[in-house]
C-alpha cells in the first residue's frame, strides 16, 4: 500500500487499504459456527470505513492501512 502510494504520488491517485477482522456474514457464520461473534464487525462498519477513505479529499490519507477489529 505504501509503495504504490509513493509510486503514484503527485498523480492525484490515493492508495489505501482496509483490513477488517472477522465480519458477521452468512459465510463466516457457516465456516466458524462456534466462535464468539460478539466482536465480529458488521458489514456496514467495513463499508463505512471504505466510504470514509473514498470520500475524503485529504491528501494526508494516502498509503494508509486501516485495521478494523
Protein backbone atom coordinates (compact mmCIF):
# COMPACT_ATOMS: atom_id res chain seq x y z
CA UNK A 1 0.00 0.00 0.00
CA UNK A 2 2.72 2.44 0.95
CA UNK A 3 4.92 1.52 -2.01
CA UNK A 4 2.10 2.01 -4.51
CA UNK A 5 1.04 5.25 -2.81
CA UNK A 6 4.62 6.53 -3.12
CA UNK A 7 4.81 5.43 -6.75
CA UNK A 8 1.61 7.29 -7.60
CA UNK A 9 2.46 10.37 -5.52
CA UNK A 10 1.56 13.52 -7.41
CA UNK A 11 -0.77 11.73 -9.83
CA UNK A 12 -3.94 12.53 -7.88
CA UNK A 13 -4.48 8.85 -7.10
CA UNK A 14 -4.52 7.85 -3.44
CA UNK A 15 -3.92 4.27 -2.31
CA UNK A 16 -5.28 2.94 0.98
CA UNK A 17 -6.20 -0.48 2.32
CA UNK A 18 -8.95 -1.61 4.68
CA UNK A 19 -8.11 -4.80 6.57
CA UNK A 20 -11.13 -5.96 8.56
CA UNK A 21 -11.13 -8.63 11.20
CA UNK A 22 -13.96 -11.17 11.16
CA UNK A 23 -17.12 -9.80 9.55
CA UNK A 24 -20.52 -11.15 10.54
CA UNK A 25 -21.69 -12.62 7.23
CA UNK A 26 -23.52 -15.83 6.41
CA UNK A 27 -20.34 -17.37 5.03
CA UNK A 28 -18.30 -16.54 8.15
CA UNK A 29 -21.04 -17.93 10.41
CA UNK A 30 -21.03 -21.15 8.37
CA UNK A 31 -17.23 -21.50 8.38
CA UNK A 32 -16.87 -20.64 12.10
CA UNK A 33 -20.13 -21.68 13.79
CA UNK A 34 -18.65 -21.97 17.29
CA UNK A 35 -16.69 -18.72 17.51
CA UNK A 36 -17.79 -15.85 19.72
CA UNK A 37 -19.44 -13.37 17.38
CA UNK A 38 -19.66 -10.52 19.87
CA UNK A 39 -16.51 -8.90 18.46
CA UNK A 40 -17.25 -9.51 14.78
CA UNK A 41 -17.73 -6.47 12.61
CA UNK A 42 -20.96 -5.72 10.85
CA UNK A 43 -20.61 -5.42 7.06
CA UNK A 44 -21.90 -1.85 7.39
CA UNK A 45 -18.92 -0.94 9.59
CA UNK A 46 -16.47 -2.08 6.92
CA UNK A 47 -18.44 -0.21 4.25
CA UNK A 48 -18.35 2.98 6.33
CA UNK A 49 -14.55 2.80 6.59
CA UNK A 50 -14.22 2.30 2.82
CA UNK A 51 -16.60 5.19 2.12
CA UNK A 52 -14.74 7.46 4.51
CA UNK A 53 -11.45 6.84 2.70
CA UNK A 54 -13.07 7.12 -0.72
CA UNK A 55 -14.87 10.39 0.02
CA UNK A 56 -12.04 12.10 1.87
CA UNK A 57 -10.20 14.74 -0.07
CA UNK A 58 -7.40 14.93 2.49
CA UNK A 59 -4.10 14.26 0.70
CA UNK A 60 -2.66 13.03 4.00
CA UNK A 61 -4.93 9.98 3.78
CA UNK A 62 -2.62 8.15 1.39
CA UNK A 63 -0.71 4.94 1.95
CA UNK A 64 -2.81 4.03 4.97
CA UNK A 65 -3.59 0.54 6.18
CA UNK A 66 -6.74 0.73 8.26
CA UNK A 67 -7.01 -2.29 10.56
CA UNK A 68 -10.56 -2.83 11.79
CA UNK A 69 -11.20 -5.04 14.80
